[in-house]
Structures are given as C-alpha cells and as structure tokens.
Amino acid sequence: MKFNPNTVGLYCGALISFCHLVWVAMVGFGWAQGWLNFIFGLHFLNSPFKVGAFNMTTALVLVIFTFVVGYVFGWVATWVWNKMK
C-alpha cells in the first residue's frame, strides 16, 4: 500500500505542532513548571529547568517550526516507505 507523502506530512506536522500548542497553553496559564516537575519526578529526577516567561512571538515560532519539522519528517518517512514497496 502506498501513502500520499503530503497527507502524511500534514498529519505529522499537525500532531507535533498540536502537542507544542498544548505546551504553549500550559506556559501561558502557569501550569508548565508543575507539569515539568511532575514528569521529572516520575523518572526519579530533580528538574534542573525553570520555565521562562510567556512570549507570544516565541510561542508562534515554536508551533510553526514544529509543524514544519513534523511535515518534513512525515513526508520523508512516507517517501522512503513508498520506495521500499
């Protein structure tokens, strides 16, 4: 079965950028540091990181950049998959 690289790229980009959009919302609401400490604690680690102040420009760049990276990854992975079939 062959897949459309553009479609898979869009899905991958949307998924990864949505995850980062959730992170942006958590930073904006002030919930990110608690979540980060919780995740590190589940791994028996002390968190060496402090969440910075919310910045709308940084948030937009993060979501757009992760969409592009996810799209490229999905496109390339699908292209390789289709070539192997």
PDB file of N, CA and C in Angstrom:
ATOM      1  N   MET A   1       0.829  -1.169   0.000  1.00  0.00           N
ATOM      2  CA  MET A   1       0.000   0.000   0.000  1.00  0.00           C
ATOM      3  C   MET A   1       0.887   1.251   0.000  1.00  0.00           C
ATOM      4  N   LYS A   2       0.618   2.140  -0.914  1.00  0.00           N
ATOM      5  CA  LYS A   2       1.367   3.400  -0.978  1.00  0.00           C
ATOM      6  C   LYS A   2       0.564   4.500  -0.312  1.00  0.00           C
ATOM      7  N   PHE A   3       1.273   5.429   0.308  1.00  0.00           N
ATOM      8  CA  PHE A   3       0.658   6.549   1.006  1.00  0.00           C
ATOM      9  C   PHE A   3       1.024   7.849   0.315  1.00  0.00           C
ATOM     10  N   ASN A   4       0.204   8.857   0.498  1.00  0.00           N
ATOM     11  CA  ASN A   4       0.465  10.186  -0.052  1.00  0.00           C
ATOM     12  C   ASN A   4       1.381  10.937   0.911  1.00  0.00           C
ATOM     13  N   PRO A   5       2.607  11.290   0.486  1.00  0.00           N
ATOM     14  CA  PRO A   5       3.545  11.971   1.387  1.00  0.00           C
ATOM     15  C   PRO A   5       3.008  13.301   1.916  1.00  0.00           C
ATOM     16  N   ASN A   6       2.274  14.032   1.090  1.00  0.00           N
ATOM     17  CA  ASN A   6       1.740  15.311   1.537  1.00  0.00           C
ATOM     18  C   ASN A   6       0.732  15.117   2.671  1.00  0.00           C
ATOM     19  N   THR A   7      -0.149  14.140   2.536  1.00  0.00           N
ATOM     20  CA  THR A   7      -1.157  13.883   3.564  1.00  0.00           C
ATOM     21  C   THR A   7      -0.506  13.444   4.870  1.00  0.00           C
ATOM     22  N   VAL A   8       0.427  12.513   4.783  1.00  0.00           N
ATOM     23  CA  VAL A   8       1.107  12.039   5.998  1.00  0.00           C
ATOM     24  C   VAL A   8       1.907  13.174   6.624  1.00  0.00           C
ATOM     25  N   GLY A   9       2.557  13.974   5.793  1.00  0.00           N
ATOM     26  CA  GLY A   9       3.307  15.123   6.301  1.00  0.00           C
ATOM     27  C   GLY A   9       2.407  16.097   7.046  1.00  0.00           C
ATOM     28  N   LEU A  10       1.235  16.360   6.491  1.00  0.00           N
ATOM     29  CA  LEU A  10       0.298  17.273   7.155  1.00  0.00           C
ATOM     30  C   LEU A  10      -0.176  16.702   8.492  1.00  0.00           C
ATOM     31  N   TYR A  11      -0.477  15.416   8.529  1.00  0.00           N
ATOM     32  CA  TYR A  11      -0.895  14.791   9.784  1.00  0.00           C
ATOM     33  C   TYR A  11       0.221  14.825  10.824  1.00  0.00           C
ATOM     34  N   CYS A  12       1.424  14.482  10.417  1.00  0.00           N
ATOM     35  CA  CYS A  12       2.552  14.503  11.360  1.00  0.00           C
ATOM     36  C   CYS A  12       2.814  15.920  11.866  1.00  0.00           C
ATOM     37  N   GLY A  13       2.811  16.876  10.951  1.00  0.00           N
ATOM     38  CA  GLY A  13       3.014  18.273  11.339  1.00  0.00           C
ATOM     39  C   GLY A  13       1.937  18.749  12.293  1.00  0.00           C
ATOM     40  N   ALA A  14       0.678  18.391  12.001  1.00  0.00           N
ATOM     41  CA  ALA A  14      -0.430  18.802  12.866  1.00  0.00           C
ATOM     42  C   ALA A  14      -0.309  18.179  14.252  1.00  0.00           C
ATOM     43  N   LEU A  15       0.043  16.903  14.321  1.00  0.00           N
ATOM     44  CA  LEU A  15       0.160  16.222  15.609  1.00  0.00           C
ATOM     45  C   LEU A  15       1.262  16.843  16.465  1.00  0.00           C
ATOM     46  N   ILE A  16       2.428  17.019  15.881  1.00  0.00           N
ATOM     47  CA  ILE A  16       3.560  17.537  16.643  1.00  0.00           C
ATOM     48  C   ILE A  16       3.328  18.994  17.041  1.00  0.00           C
ATOM     49  N   SER A  17       2.790  19.788  16.125  1.00  0.00           N
ATOM     50  CA  SER A  17       2.546  21.192  16.478  1.00  0.00           C
ATOM     51  C   SER A  17       1.428  21.310  17.508  1.00  0.00           C
ATOM     52  N   PHE A  18       0.431  20.410  17.479  1.00  0.00           N
ATOM     53  CA  PHE A  18      -0.629  20.436  18.487  1.00  0.00           C
ATOM     54  C   PHE A  18      -0.052  20.142  19.873  1.00  0.00           C
ATOM     55  N   CYS A  19       0.839  19.174  19.960  1.00  0.00           N
ATOM     56  CA  CYS A  19       1.482  18.874  21.249  1.00  0.00           C
ATOM     57  C   CYS A  19       2.207  20.106  21.789  1.00  0.00           C
ATOM     58  N   HIS A  20       2.877  20.828  20.919  1.00  0.00           N
ATOM     59  CA  HIS A  20       3.592  22.024  21.348  1.00  0.00           C
ATOM     60  C   HIS A  20       2.628  23.181  21.631  1.00  0.00           C
ATOM     61  N   LEU A  21       1.496  23.208  20.958  1.00  0.00           N
ATOM     62  CA  LEU A  21       0.471  24.205  21.268  1.00  0.00           C
ATOM     63  C   LEU A  21      -0.070  23.981  22.689  1.00  0.00           C
ATOM     64  N   VAL A  22      -0.227  22.724  23.068  1.00  0.00           N
ATOM     65  CA  VAL A  22      -0.649  22.410  24.441  1.00  0.00           C
ATOM     66  C   VAL A  22       0.408  22.906  25.422  1.00  0.00           C
ATOM     67  N   TRP A  23       1.678  22.692  25.104  1.00  0.00           N
ATOM     68  CA  TRP A  23       2.764  23.173  25.968  1.00  0.00           C
ATOM     69  C   TRP A  23       2.717  24.695  26.084  1.00  0.00           C
ATOM     70  N   VAL A  24       2.502  25.380  24.963  1.00  0.00           N
ATOM     71  CA  VAL A  24       2.406  26.841  24.962  1.00  0.00           C
ATOM     72  C   VAL A  24       1.260  27.288  25.881  1.00  0.00           C
ATOM     73  N   ALA A  25       0.118  26.612  25.800  1.00  0.00           N
ATOM     74  CA  ALA A  25      -1.019  26.957  26.654  1.00  0.00           C
ATOM     75  C   ALA A  25      -0.668  26.737  28.124  1.00  0.00           C
ATOM     76  N   MET A  26       0.038  25.648  28.406  1.00  0.00           N
ATOM     77  CA  MET A  26       0.432  25.375  29.790  1.00  0.00           C
ATOM     78  C   MET A  26       1.364  26.456  30.327  1.00  0.00           C
ATOM     79  N   VAL A  27       2.282  26.911  29.496  1.00  0.00           N
ATOM     80  CA  VAL A  27       3.174  28.001  29.909  1.00  0.00           C
ATOM     81  C   VAL A  27       2.347  29.266  30.144  1.00  0.00           C
ATOM     82  N   GLY A  28       1.434  29.557  29.228  1.00  0.00           N
ATOM     83  CA  GLY A  28       0.606  30.754  29.347  1.00  0.00           C
ATOM     84  C   GLY A  28      -0.257  30.762  30.599  1.00  0.00           C
ATOM     85  N   PHE A  29      -0.795  29.605  30.992  1.00  0.00           N
ATOM     86  CA  PHE A  29      -1.635  29.511  32.185  1.00  0.00           C
ATOM     87  C   PHE A  29      -0.826  29.334  33.474  1.00  0.00           C
ATOM     88  N   GLY A  30       0.481  29.147  33.340  1.00  0.00           N
ATOM     89  CA  GLY A  30       1.328  28.988  34.517  1.00  0.00           C
ATOM     90  C   GLY A  30       1.366  27.571  35.066  1.00  0.00           C
ATOM     91  N   TRP A  31       0.983  26.597  34.258  1.00  0.00           N
ATOM     92  CA  TRP A  31       0.945  25.198  34.697  1.00  0.00           C
ATOM     93  C   TRP A  31       2.185  24.404  34.287  1.00  0.00           C
ATOM     94  N   ALA A  32       3.034  24.963  33.468  1.00  0.00           N
ATOM     95  CA  ALA A  32       4.128  24.203  32.857  1.00  0.00           C
ATOM     96  C   ALA A  32       5.175  23.747  33.873  1.00  0.00           C
ATOM     97  N   GLN A  33       5.539  24.610  34.819  1.00  0.00           N
ATOM     98  CA  GLN A  33       6.585  24.233  35.778  1.00  0.00           C
ATOM     99  C   GLN A  33       6.139  23.060  36.632  1.00  0.00           C
ATOM    100  N   GLY A  34       4.903  23.083  37.079  1.00  0.00           N
ATOM    101  CA  GLY A  34       4.383  21.963  37.873  1.00  0.00           C
ATOM    102  C   GLY A  34       4.377  20.666  37.080  1.00  0.00           C
ATOM    103  N   TRP A  35       3.981  20.738  35.813  1.00  0.00           N
ATOM    104  CA  TRP A  35       3.957  19.554  34.952  1.00  0.00           C
ATOM    105  C   TRP A  35       5.379  19.034  34.741  1.00  0.00           C
ATOM    106  N   LEU A  36       6.311  19.948  34.475  1.00  0.00           N
ATOM    107  CA  LEU A  36       7.700  19.556  34.256  1.00  0.00           C
ATOM    108  C   LEU A  36       8.267  18.872  35.500  1.00  0.00           C
ATOM    109  N   ASN A  37       8.001  19.444  36.669  1.00  0.00           N
ATOM    110  CA  ASN A  37       8.469  18.832  37.917  1.00  0.00           C
ATOM    111  C   ASN A  37       7.834  17.456  38.122  1.00  0.00           C
ATOM    112  N   PHE A  38       6.554  17.316  37.799  1.00  0.00           N
ATOM    113  CA  PHE A  38       5.861  16.037  37.926  1.00  0.00           C
ATOM    114  C   PHE A  38       6.493  14.978  37.017  1.00  0.00           C
ATOM    115  N   ILE A  39       6.742  15.331  35.753  1.00  0.00           N
ATOM    116  CA  ILE A  39       7.320  14.383  34.790  1.00  0.00           C
ATOM    117  C   ILE A  39       8.726  13.965  35.226  1.00  0.00           C
ATOM    118  N   PHE A  40       9.536  14.924  35.639  1.00  0.00           N
ATOM    119  CA  PHE A  40      10.877  14.571  36.113  1.00  0.00           C
ATOM    120  C   PHE A  40      10.787  13.680  37.349  1.00  0.00           C
ATOM    121  N   GLY A  41       9.858  13.986  38.250  1.00  0.00           N
ATOM    122  CA  GLY A  41       9.676  13.185  39.460  1.00  0.00           C
ATOM    123  C   GLY A  41       9.293  11.745  39.149  1.00  0.00           C
ATOM    124  N   LEU A  42       8.469  11.543  38.120  1.00  0.00           N
ATOM    125  CA  LEU A  42       8.106  10.178  37.719  1.00  0.00           C
ATOM    126  C   LEU A  42       9.320   9.375  37.274  1.00  0.00           C
ATOM    127  N   HIS A  43      10.360  10.075  36.842  1.00  0.00           N
ATOM    128  CA  HIS A  43      11.578   9.403  36.386  1.00  0.00           C
ATOM    129  C   HIS A  43      12.669   9.437  37.453  1.00  0.00           C
ATOM    130  N   PHE A  44      12.276   9.758  38.695  1.00  0.00           N
ATOM    131  CA  PHE A  44      13.197   9.803  39.826  1.00  0.00           C
ATOM    132  C   PHE A  44      14.307  10.820  39.622  1.00  0.00           C
ATOM    133  N   LEU A  45      13.962  11.953  39.012  1.00  0.00           N
ATOM    134  CA  LEU A  45      14.932  13.004  38.731  1.00  0.00           C
ATOM    135  C   LEU A  45      14.482  14.319  39.345  1.00  0.00           C
ATOM    136  N   ASN A  46      15.444  15.160  39.679  1.00  0.00           N
ATOM    137  CA  ASN A  46      15.149  16.530  40.072  1.00  0.00           C
ATOM    138  C   ASN A  46      15.215  17.387  38.818  1.00  0.00           C
ATOM    139  N   SER A  47      14.248  18.264  38.656  1.00  0.00           N
ATOM    140  CA  SER A  47      14.210  19.093  37.449  1.00  0.00           C
ATOM    141  C   SER A  47      15.240  20.218  37.532  1.00  0.00           C
ATOM    142  N   PRO A  48      16.183  20.240  36.603  1.00  0.00           N
ATOM    143  CA  PRO A  48      17.155  21.333  36.590  1.00  0.00           C
ATOM    144  C   PRO A  48      16.651  22.546  35.795  1.00  0.00           C
ATOM    145  N   PHE A  49      15.424  22.470  35.263  1.00  0.00           N
ATOM    146  CA  PHE A  49      14.916  23.504  34.368  1.00  0.00           C
ATOM    147  C   PHE A  49      13.894  24.395  35.045  1.00  0.00           C
ATOM    148  N   LYS A  50      13.898  25.664  34.658  1.00  0.00           N
ATOM    149  CA  LYS A  50      12.876  26.613  35.086  1.00  0.00           C
ATOM    150  C   LYS A  50      12.186  27.117  33.832  1.00  0.00           C
ATOM    151  N   VAL A  51      10.865  27.115  33.847  1.00  0.00           N
ATOM    152  CA  VAL A  51      10.096  27.587  32.711  1.00  0.00           C
ATOM    153  C   VAL A  51      10.180  29.108  32.680  1.00  0.00           C
ATOM    154  N   GLY A  52      10.486  29.642  31.503  1.00  0.00           N
ATOM    155  CA  GLY A  52      10.599  31.085  31.335  1.00  0.00           C
ATOM    156  C   GLY A  52       9.242  31.759  31.214  1.00  0.00           C
ATOM    157  N   ALA A  53       9.266  33.057  31.093  1.00  0.00           N
ATOM    158  CA  ALA A  53       8.045  33.843  30.945  1.00  0.00           C
ATOM    159  C   ALA A  53       7.438  33.614  29.563  1.00  0.00           C
ATOM    160  N   PHE A  54       6.125  33.694  29.499  1.00  0.00           N
ATOM    161  CA  PHE A  54       5.413  33.507  28.230  1.00  0.00           C
ATOM    162  C   PHE A  54       5.732  34.661  27.288  1.00  0.00           C
ATOM    163  N   ASN A  55       5.991  34.309  26.018  1.00  0.00           N
ATOM    164  CA  ASN A  55       6.234  35.300  24.976  1.00  0.00           C
ATOM    165  C   ASN A  55       5.492  34.840  23.730  1.00  0.00           C
ATOM    166  N   MET A  56       4.579  35.662  23.225  1.00  0.00           N
ATOM    167  CA  MET A  56       3.736  35.279  22.097  1.00  0.00           C
ATOM    168  C   MET A  56       4.557  34.988  20.836  1.00  0.00           C
ATOM    169  N   THR A  57       5.587  35.776  20.573  1.00  0.00           N
ATOM    170  CA  THR A  57       6.419  35.542  19.384  1.00  0.00           C
ATOM    171  C   THR A  57       7.108  34.192  19.465  1.00  0.00           C
ATOM    172  N   THR A  58       7.683  33.892  20.617  1.00  0.00           N
ATOM    173  CA  THR A  58       8.344  32.602  20.811  1.00  0.00           C
ATOM    174  C   THR A  58       7.341  31.465  20.667  1.00  0.00           C
ATOM    175  N   ALA A  59       6.141  31.655  21.196  1.00  0.00           N
ATOM    176  CA  ALA A  59       5.098  30.627  21.103  1.00  0.00           C
ATOM    177  C   ALA A  59       4.731  30.347  19.650  1.00  0.00           C
ATOM    178  N   LEU A  60       4.539  31.392  18.865  1.00  0.00           N
ATOM    179  CA  LEU A  60       4.193  31.223  17.448  1.00  0.00           C
ATOM    180  C   LEU A  60       5.314  30.539  16.678  1.00  0.00           C
ATOM    181  N   VAL A  61       6.544  30.961  16.935  1.00  0.00           N
ATOM    182  CA  VAL A  61       7.692  30.347  16.252  1.00  0.00           C
ATOM    183  C   VAL A  61       7.783  28.868  16.621  1.00  0.00           C
ATOM    184  N   LEU A  62       7.570  28.524  17.881  1.00  0.00           N
ATOM    185  CA  LEU A  62       7.620  27.129  18.316  1.00  0.00           C
ATOM    186  C   LEU A  62       6.585  26.283  17.582  1.00  0.00           C
ATOM    187  N   VAL A  63       5.349  26.743  17.537  1.00  0.00           N
ATOM    188  CA  VAL A  63       4.280  25.965  16.913  1.00  0.00           C
ATOM    189  C   VAL A  63       4.504  25.848  15.411  1.00  0.00           C
ATOM    190  N   ILE A  64       4.892  26.926  14.757  1.00  0.00           N
ATOM    191  CA  ILE A  64       5.135  26.887  13.302  1.00  0.00           C
ATOM    192  C   ILE A  64       6.340  26.010  12.978  1.00  0.00           C
ATOM    193  N   PHE A  65       7.422  26.182  13.736  1.00  0.00           N
ATOM    194  CA  PHE A  65       8.635  25.403  13.482  1.00  0.00           C
ATOM    195  C   PHE A  65       8.383  23.909  13.660  1.00  0.00           C
ATOM    196  N   THR A  66       7.653  23.540  14.720  1.00  0.00           N
ATOM    197  CA  THR A  66       7.393  22.120  14.942  1.00  0.00           C
ATOM    198  C   THR A  66       6.459  21.557  13.875  1.00  0.00           C
ATOM    199  N   PHE A  67       5.554  22.375  13.352  1.00  0.00           N
ATOM    200  CA  PHE A  67       4.717  21.910  12.247  1.00  0.00           C
ATOM    201  C   PHE A  67       5.587  21.601  11.025  1.00  0.00           C
ATOM    202  N   VAL A  68       6.494  22.499  10.689  1.00  0.00           N
ATOM    203  CA  VAL A  68       7.361  22.302   9.522  1.00  0.00           C
ATOM    204  C   VAL A  68       8.238  21.066   9.702  1.00  0.00           C
ATOM    205  N   VAL A  69       8.838  20.905  10.874  1.00  0.00           N
ATOM    206  CA  VAL A  69       9.681  19.738  11.136  1.00  0.00           C
ATOM    207  C   VAL A  69       8.854  18.456  11.058  1.00  0.00           C
ATOM    208  N   GLY A  70       7.664  18.454  11.638  1.00  0.00           N
ATOM    209  CA  GLY A  70       6.793  17.288  11.572  1.00  0.00           C
ATOM    210  C   GLY A  70       6.368  16.964  10.156  1.00  0.00           C
ATOM    211  N   TYR A  71       6.074  18.008   9.376  1.00  0.00           N
ATOM    212  CA  TYR A  71       5.692  17.798   7.976  1.00  0.00           C
ATOM    213  C   TYR A  71       6.849  17.164   7.199  1.00  0.00           C
ATOM    214  N   VAL A  72       8.031  17.723   7.345  1.00  0.00           N
ATOM    215  CA  VAL A  72       9.196  17.200   6.615  1.00  0.00           C
ATOM    216  C   VAL A  72       9.466  15.755   7.036  1.00  0.00           C
ATOM    217  N   PHE A  73       9.427  15.480   8.331  1.00  0.00           N
ATOM    218  CA  PHE A  73       9.657  14.113   8.805  1.00  0.00           C
ATOM    219  C   PHE A  73       8.622  13.157   8.209  1.00  0.00           C
ATOM    220  N   GLY A  74       7.356  13.533   8.263  1.00  0.00           N
ATOM    221  CA  GLY A  74       6.298  12.687   7.715  1.00  0.00           C
ATOM    222  C   GLY A  74       6.433  12.486   6.219  1.00  0.00           C
ATOM    223  N   TRP A  75       6.778  13.546   5.508  1.00  0.00           N
ATOM    224  CA  TRP A  75       6.940  13.459   4.054  1.00  0.00           C
ATOM    225  C   TRP A  75       8.090  12.525   3.694  1.00  0.00           C
ATOM    226  N   VAL A  76       9.240  12.726   4.347  1.00  0.00           N
ATOM    227  CA  VAL A  76      10.415  11.896   4.054  1.00  0.00           C
ATOM    228  C   VAL A  76      10.161  10.440   4.429  1.00  0.00           C
ATOM    229  N   ALA A  77       9.571  10.200   5.601  1.00  0.00           N
ATOM    230  CA  ALA A  77       9.294   8.827   6.027  1.00  0.00           C
ATOM    231  C   ALA A  77       8.344   8.140   5.052  1.00  0.00           C
ATOM    232  N   THR A  78       7.342   8.869   4.556  1.00  0.00           N
ATOM    233  CA  THR A  78       6.399   8.288   3.592  1.00  0.00           C
ATOM    234  C   THR A  78       7.065   8.043   2.261  1.00  0.00           C
ATOM    235  N   TRP A  79       7.916   8.956   1.840  1.00  0.00           N
ATOM    236  CA  TRP A  79       8.637   8.776   0.577  1.00  0.00           C
ATOM    237  C   TRP A  79       9.507   7.516   0.646  1.00  0.00           C
ATOM    238  N   VAL A  80      10.213   7.350   1.768  1.00  0.00           N
ATOM    239  CA  VAL A  80      11.045   6.153   1.954  1.00  0.00           C
ATOM    240  C   VAL A  80      10.168   4.904   1.973  1.00  0.00           C
ATOM    241  N   TRP A  81       9.061   4.947   2.691  1.00  0.00           N
ATOM    242  CA  TRP A  81       8.136   3.812   2.753  1.00  0.00           C
ATOM    243  C   TRP A  81       7.659   3.425   1.364  1.00  0.00           C
ATOM    244  N   ASN A  82       7.228   4.410   0.590  1.00  0.00           N
ATOM    245  CA  ASN A  82       6.731   4.143  -0.743  1.00  0.00           C
ATOM    246  C   ASN A  82       7.821   3.577  -1.663  1.00  0.00           C
ATOM    247  N   LYS A  83       9.062   4.005  -1.491  1.00  0.00           N
ATOM    248  CA  LYS A  83      10.162   3.494  -2.310  1.00  0.00           C
ATOM    249  C   LYS A  83      10.490   2.050  -1.963  1.00  0.00           C
ATOM    250  N   MET A  84      10.216   1.667  -0.723  1.00  0.00           N
ATOM    251  CA  MET A  84      10.520   0.300  -0.292  1.00  0.00           C
ATOM    252  C   MET A  84       9.441  -0.679  -0.742  1.00  0.00           C
ATOM    253  N   LYS A  85       8.306  -0.195  -1.157  1.00  0.00           N
ATOM    254  CA  LYS A  85       7.191  -1.068  -1.593  1.00  0.00           C
ATOM    255  C   LYS A  85       7.361  -1.481  -3.032  1.00  0.00           C
TER     256      LYS A  85
END
